[in-house]
Amino acid sequence: MEFLEVALTVSGELAEAVADVLTRFAPNGVATEATTFREFDDVETTGAIVSSGLVVSPGPVIVRAYLPDDNQLEDKRTRLSEALWHLRQLAAHSGLSIPEPEFRTVAQADWAEQWKEHFLPIRIGRRLIVVPAWLSPELAPDDVPLRLDPGMAFGTGTHPTTQLCLAAIESYLRPGDSVLDLGAGSGILAIAAAKLETFHGTSPPGRILALDIDDDAVRVARENIAANGVAASVQARLGSLPDALGFGVWDLVVANILSSVIIRLLGEGLAKTVAPGGTLILSGILETQAVEVESALREAGMEVKERRQMGEWVAIVASP
């Protein structure tokens, strides 16, 4: 059997949305390839300078999927084009563009290896490196690898909001901290917290909980948690803010979700999940929405400590 490769080159902001569309039609997963990397000497924030050495992948990103060349191919290709058209219209409202996909035929004998070749490790922050599960790259002594299922579209480390969260966790996490990841997706943030605590010599790490309202996300998060060897310290569960409030307070709380949801959750008690002296990291926020989120934080009794930005995306760090 041959496969039809579908490839789109998009910005990091769109990579996960495009991957999510392709995943509906590609039974063997989606490959997301970061093409460029940038190291900042100094990253400006509100009231602080992040130390040198922050490494991010600003894009563009190539998203690839492989469709079996069978009697369903033409139907899948038509429905895929329609789904991308609708996504293109949504992206245009935000000033973003999605190109037409490029197609080419790949022989089955070459498909598996070509698919894997497009997954490369992504460095984020000073120590974190997102690694496809089957790779064993040479690591520096200070590297902290995060091994992820490549078929999971959300939370692969290509989106600026995920990168901002990971870098902030690396900066603010203290040894032994308890961590709540609200809206966990692939579980990448909770996994990073557990592995960073282990790196700092905290064994076992503090209690870490990954909550999501989607059953599939919880399933994939559990698989990724197991693959990273942190199942003893990280739990992935179905739930949202009311469930989190039932578990008490946390030293570090992170939520990488839509700003409208963040504002609503702040009104419903999100700040109450943060322990005295703890840290709240919020992302998924467009630059134009940051002032509104910061206002909601202050109304909830939180002090804004720092604003980090990558392109038009913002992460906000606050404390009680």
Protein backbone atom coordinates (compact mmCIF):
# COMPACT_ATOMS: atom_id res chain seq x y z
CA MET A 1 0.00 0.00 0.00
CA GLU A 2 1.06 3.57 -0.66
CA PHE A 3 0.33 6.59 1.52
CA LEU A 4 -0.61 10.15 0.64
CA GLU A 5 1.49 12.63 2.61
CA VAL A 6 -0.34 15.85 3.50
CA ALA A 7 1.93 18.69 4.60
CA LEU A 8 1.24 22.28 5.69
CA THR A 9 3.77 24.86 6.84
CA VAL A 10 2.17 27.15 9.43
CA SER A 11 3.04 29.36 12.37
CA GLY A 12 3.47 27.88 15.82
CA GLU A 13 0.14 29.39 16.87
CA LEU A 14 -1.67 27.29 14.28
CA ALA A 15 0.35 24.07 14.44
CA GLU A 16 -1.79 22.31 17.03
CA ALA A 17 -5.09 23.40 15.45
CA VAL A 18 -3.95 22.09 12.04
CA ALA A 19 -2.64 18.89 13.64
CA ASP A 20 -5.99 18.40 15.36
CA VAL A 21 -7.77 18.57 11.98
CA LEU A 22 -5.32 16.17 10.33
CA THR A 23 -5.61 13.71 13.21
CA ARG A 24 -9.27 13.12 12.33
CA PHE A 25 -8.23 11.59 9.00
CA ALA A 26 -4.80 10.05 9.75
CA PRO A 27 -5.10 6.80 11.74
CA ASN A 28 -1.37 6.62 12.41
CA GLY A 29 -0.90 10.05 13.93
CA VAL A 30 0.43 13.45 12.90
CA ALA A 31 4.03 14.65 12.72
CA THR A 32 4.87 18.20 13.83
CA GLU A 33 8.33 19.42 12.83
CA ALA A 34 9.83 22.59 14.29
CA THR A 35 12.04 24.19 11.66
CA THR A 36 13.75 27.03 13.52
CA PHE A 37 15.09 27.72 16.98
CA ARG A 38 16.02 30.96 18.67
CA GLU A 39 18.01 31.63 21.81
CA PHE A 40 17.34 34.85 23.69
CA ASP A 41 20.15 36.56 25.56
CA ASP A 42 17.61 38.52 27.61
CA VAL A 43 13.85 38.16 27.57
CA GLU A 44 12.06 41.32 28.67
CA THR A 45 9.15 40.93 31.04
CA THR A 46 7.19 43.33 33.18
CA GLY A 47 9.43 44.12 36.10
CA ALA A 48 12.01 41.42 35.46
CA ILE A 49 14.53 40.04 33.00
CA VAL A 50 14.59 36.30 32.46
CA SER A 51 18.13 34.96 32.61
CA SER A 52 19.94 34.25 29.36
CA GLY A 53 19.65 30.86 27.73
CA LEU A 54 15.90 30.71 27.08
CA VAL A 55 15.50 28.61 23.94
CA VAL A 56 12.24 28.55 22.02
CA SER A 57 10.96 27.33 18.69
CA PRO A 58 9.19 30.34 17.12
CA GLY A 59 8.23 28.64 13.84
CA PRO A 60 7.37 28.07 11.13
CA VAL A 61 6.20 24.54 11.83
CA ILE A 62 5.56 21.77 9.30
CA VAL A 63 2.58 19.56 10.11
CA ARG A 64 2.37 16.24 8.24
CA ALA A 65 -0.12 13.39 8.11
CA TYR A 66 -0.20 10.17 6.09
CA LEU A 67 -3.43 8.80 4.62
CA PRO A 68 -3.60 5.19 3.37
CA ASP A 69 -4.13 5.03 -0.42
CA ASP A 70 -7.25 2.87 -0.27
CA ASN A 71 -10.82 3.13 -1.51
CA GLN A 72 -11.57 5.80 1.11
CA LEU A 73 -8.72 8.11 0.15
CA GLU A 74 -10.59 10.47 -2.18
CA ASP A 75 -13.43 10.86 0.29
CA LYS A 76 -10.97 11.57 3.12
CA ARG A 77 -9.06 14.04 0.95
CA THR A 78 -12.26 15.93 0.15
CA ARG A 79 -13.40 16.05 3.78
CA LEU A 80 -9.91 17.06 4.91
CA SER A 81 -9.86 19.95 2.43
CA GLU A 82 -13.28 21.08 3.69
CA ALA A 83 -12.14 20.95 7.33
CA LEU A 84 -9.02 22.96 6.53
CA TRP A 85 -11.14 25.51 4.65
CA HIS A 86 -13.26 26.11 7.74
CA LEU A 87 -10.16 26.38 9.93
CA ARG A 88 -8.67 28.83 7.41
CA GLN A 89 -11.70 31.11 7.78
CA LEU A 90 -11.40 31.07 11.59
CA ALA A 91 -7.67 31.79 11.42
CA ALA A 92 -8.25 34.73 9.07
CA HIS A 93 -10.31 36.48 11.76
CA SER A 94 -7.16 36.52 13.91
CA GLY A 95 -4.97 37.73 11.07
CA LEU A 96 -3.41 34.30 10.58
CA SER A 97 -3.15 32.37 7.34
CA ILE A 98 -3.18 28.67 6.50
CA PRO A 99 -1.75 27.66 3.12
CA GLU A 100 -3.15 25.03 0.83
CA PRO A 101 -1.76 21.60 1.76
CA GLU A 102 0.96 19.97 -0.29
CA PHE A 103 0.40 16.36 -1.33
CA ARG A 104 2.80 13.62 -2.39
CA THR A 105 2.67 9.84 -2.59
CA VAL A 106 4.93 7.80 -0.33
CA ALA A 107 5.55 4.05 -0.60
CA GLN A 108 4.65 1.94 2.41
CA ALA A 109 8.23 0.74 2.75
CA ASP A 110 9.38 4.33 3.25
CA TRP A 111 6.42 5.67 5.18
CA ALA A 112 7.25 4.60 8.73
CA GLU A 113 10.79 5.92 8.67
CA GLN A 114 9.87 9.15 6.87
CA TRP A 115 7.10 9.77 9.37
CA LYS A 116 9.51 9.44 12.28
CA GLU A 117 12.19 11.55 10.60
CA HIS A 118 9.96 14.60 10.84
CA PHE A 119 9.80 14.38 14.63
CA LEU A 120 12.82 16.11 16.08
CA PRO A 121 13.57 17.06 19.69
CA ILE A 122 12.45 20.58 20.64
CA ARG A 123 14.43 22.52 23.22
CA ILE A 124 12.47 24.82 25.53
CA GLY A 125 13.86 26.90 28.35
CA ARG A 126 17.29 26.12 29.76
CA ARG A 127 16.92 22.39 30.43
CA LEU A 128 13.70 21.02 28.98
CA ILE A 129 13.75 19.08 25.72
CA VAL A 130 10.61 17.54 24.17
CA VAL A 131 11.59 14.16 22.71
CA PRO A 132 9.54 11.80 20.48
CA ALA A 133 9.02 8.61 22.45
CA TRP A 134 11.15 6.38 20.17
CA LEU A 135 14.22 8.66 19.99
CA SER A 136 17.22 8.54 22.29
CA PRO A 137 19.09 11.76 21.48
CA GLU A 138 22.38 12.60 23.10
CA LEU A 139 21.56 14.68 26.15
CA ALA A 140 23.67 17.13 28.10
CA PRO A 141 23.98 16.50 31.85
CA ASP A 142 21.49 19.30 32.60
CA ASP A 143 18.89 18.24 30.01
CA VAL A 144 15.45 17.19 31.27
CA PRO A 145 13.71 15.14 28.53
CA LEU A 146 9.93 15.10 28.14
CA ARG A 147 8.87 12.08 26.08
CA LEU A 148 5.53 12.52 24.34
CA ASP A 149 3.15 10.50 22.20
CA PRO A 150 3.55 11.99 18.71
CA GLY A 151 -0.03 11.21 17.77
CA MET A 152 -1.38 13.67 20.33
CA ALA A 153 -1.99 17.01 18.63
CA PHE A 154 -2.39 19.22 21.69
CA GLY A 155 0.48 20.03 24.01
CA THR A 156 3.44 18.89 21.89
CA GLY A 157 5.58 21.93 22.70
CA THR A 158 5.27 23.70 19.35
CA HIS A 159 2.73 26.31 20.43
CA PRO A 160 4.07 29.52 22.03
CA THR A 161 1.62 29.21 24.94
CA THR A 162 3.01 25.78 25.84
CA GLN A 163 6.59 27.04 25.54
CA LEU A 164 5.84 30.06 27.72
CA CYS A 165 4.30 27.79 30.39
CA LEU A 166 7.21 25.36 30.36
CA ALA A 167 9.79 28.15 30.68
CA ALA A 168 7.82 29.75 33.52
CA ILE A 169 7.51 26.44 35.37
CA GLU A 170 11.26 26.00 35.06
CA SER A 171 11.80 29.46 36.59
CA TYR A 172 9.29 29.31 39.44
CA LEU A 173 9.08 25.65 40.49
CA ARG A 174 10.75 24.96 43.84
CA PRO A 175 11.93 21.56 45.06
CA GLY A 176 9.08 19.71 46.73
CA ASP A 177 6.33 21.98 45.37
CA SER A 178 2.86 20.55 44.91
CA VAL A 179 1.59 21.29 41.38
CA LEU A 180 -1.86 21.55 39.81
CA ASP A 181 -2.14 21.52 35.99
CA LEU A 182 -5.67 22.66 35.14
CA GLY A 183 -6.67 21.81 31.57
CA ALA A 184 -3.78 19.41 31.22
CA GLY A 185 -4.14 18.27 27.59
CA SER A 186 -1.24 15.91 26.88
CA GLY A 187 0.05 16.28 30.45
CA ILE A 188 3.26 17.94 29.29
CA LEU A 189 3.24 20.63 32.00
CA ALA A 190 2.64 18.21 34.87
CA ILE A 191 5.30 15.86 33.50
CA ALA A 192 7.77 18.73 33.22
CA ALA A 193 7.13 19.71 36.84
CA ALA A 194 7.74 16.15 38.08
CA LYS A 195 10.92 15.71 36.07
CA LEU A 196 12.30 19.12 37.05
CA GLU A 197 11.72 18.33 40.71
CA THR A 198 13.56 15.03 40.26
CA PHE A 199 16.36 16.91 38.48
CA HIS A 200 16.66 19.20 41.50
CA GLY A 201 17.04 16.15 43.73
CA THR A 202 13.52 16.01 45.12
CA SER A 203 12.61 12.34 45.32
CA PRO A 204 9.77 11.76 45.30
CA PRO A 205 8.46 15.06 43.90
CA GLY A 206 5.61 16.91 45.59
CA ARG A 207 2.06 15.83 44.75
CA ILE A 208 1.19 16.69 41.15
CA LEU A 209 -2.31 16.57 39.66
CA ALA A 210 -3.26 16.97 35.99
CA LEU A 211 -6.96 17.72 35.45
CA ASP A 212 -8.86 17.89 32.16
CA ILE A 213 -12.52 17.80 31.18
CA ASP A 214 -11.86 15.61 28.11
CA ASP A 215 -11.72 11.82 28.48
CA ASP A 216 -9.32 11.39 25.55
CA ALA A 217 -6.95 14.01 26.96
CA VAL A 218 -6.88 12.22 30.32
CA ARG A 219 -6.17 8.90 28.61
CA VAL A 220 -3.29 10.31 26.56
CA ALA A 221 -1.93 12.22 29.55
CA ARG A 222 -1.81 8.97 31.54
CA GLU A 223 0.05 7.27 28.69
CA ASN A 224 2.57 10.11 28.53
CA ILE A 225 2.97 10.14 32.31
CA ALA A 226 3.75 6.41 32.26
CA ALA A 227 6.17 6.81 29.34
CA ASN A 228 8.09 9.43 31.32
CA GLY A 229 8.35 7.26 34.42
CA VAL A 230 6.52 9.72 36.69
CA ALA A 231 3.31 7.77 37.35
CA ALA A 232 4.23 7.45 41.03
CA SER A 233 4.06 11.22 41.50
CA VAL A 234 1.65 12.51 38.81
CA GLN A 235 -2.06 11.73 38.66
CA ALA A 236 -4.21 12.53 35.60
CA ARG A 237 -7.90 12.76 36.35
CA LEU A 238 -11.11 13.92 34.75
CA GLY A 239 -12.20 17.19 36.33
CA SER A 240 -12.12 20.97 36.46
CA LEU A 241 -11.96 23.77 39.03
CA PRO A 242 -14.59 22.43 41.49
CA ASP A 243 -12.62 19.18 41.69
CA ALA A 244 -9.35 21.09 42.16
CA LEU A 245 -10.85 23.11 45.02
CA GLY A 246 -11.76 19.86 46.71
CA PHE A 247 -8.09 18.82 46.82
CA GLY A 248 -6.93 21.82 48.85
CA VAL A 249 -4.23 24.32 47.88
CA TRP A 250 -1.14 23.97 45.70
CA ASP A 251 2.28 25.60 45.66
CA LEU A 252 2.22 26.04 41.89
CA VAL A 253 -0.90 26.17 39.71
CA VAL A 254 -0.70 26.37 35.92
CA ALA A 255 -3.53 26.81 33.43
CA ASN A 256 -2.84 27.00 29.68
CA ILE A 257 -6.37 27.63 28.41
CA LEU A 258 -8.40 30.37 26.72
CA SER A 259 -8.33 33.80 28.38
CA SER A 260 -12.14 33.90 28.54
CA VAL A 261 -12.07 30.64 30.50
CA ILE A 262 -9.29 31.96 32.76
CA ILE A 263 -11.34 35.05 33.61
CA ARG A 264 -14.41 32.94 34.35
CA LEU A 265 -12.41 30.56 36.56
CA LEU A 266 -10.89 33.46 38.48
CA GLY A 267 -14.43 34.59 39.24
CA GLU A 268 -15.25 31.06 40.42
CA GLY A 269 -12.33 30.75 42.84
CA LEU A 270 -9.22 29.79 40.87
CA ALA A 271 -7.08 31.97 43.14
CA LYS A 272 -8.18 29.87 46.12
CA THR A 273 -6.25 26.88 44.74
CA VAL A 274 -2.92 28.71 45.23
CA ALA A 275 -1.21 28.27 48.60
CA PRO A 276 0.15 31.31 50.49
CA GLY A 277 3.51 32.12 48.95
CA GLY A 278 2.61 30.02 45.91
CA THR A 279 2.58 30.83 42.21
CA LEU A 280 -0.11 30.92 39.53
CA ILE A 281 0.99 30.66 35.87
CA LEU A 282 -1.61 31.49 33.23
CA SER A 283 -1.21 31.19 29.47
CA GLY A 284 -3.31 30.91 26.32
CA ILE A 285 -3.68 34.69 26.46
CA LEU A 286 -3.41 37.01 23.48
CA GLU A 287 -1.55 40.29 24.03
CA THR A 288 -4.78 42.22 23.51
CA GLN A 289 -6.43 40.22 26.33
CA ALA A 290 -3.63 40.50 28.90
CA VAL A 291 -4.88 43.67 30.62
CA GLU A 292 -8.31 42.14 31.15
CA VAL A 293 -6.79 38.97 32.65
CA GLU A 294 -4.52 41.01 34.92
CA SER A 295 -7.53 43.02 36.09
CA ALA A 296 -9.38 39.79 36.90
CA LEU A 297 -6.35 38.57 38.84
CA ARG A 298 -6.27 41.70 40.98
CA GLU A 299 -10.01 41.45 41.62
CA ALA A 300 -9.36 37.90 42.84
CA GLY A 301 -6.75 39.18 45.29
CA MET A 302 -3.71 38.15 43.28
CA GLU A 303 -0.58 40.23 42.63
CA VAL A 304 0.76 40.19 39.07
CA LYS A 305 4.47 39.44 39.29
CA GLU A 306 5.49 39.07 35.66
CA ARG A 307 4.24 39.08 32.08
CA ARG A 308 6.12 36.99 29.51
CA GLN A 309 5.48 37.31 25.80
CA MET A 310 6.26 35.39 22.63
CA GLY A 311 4.87 37.00 19.50
CA GLU A 312 1.24 37.88 20.22
CA TRP A 313 0.93 35.33 23.03
CA VAL A 314 1.34 36.15 26.72
CA ALA A 315 1.86 34.21 29.94
CA ILE A 316 1.14 35.93 33.25
CA VAL A 317 2.66 34.94 36.59
CA ALA A 318 0.85 35.96 39.78
CA SER A 319 0.87 35.18 43.49
CA PRO A 320 -1.51 35.65 46.46
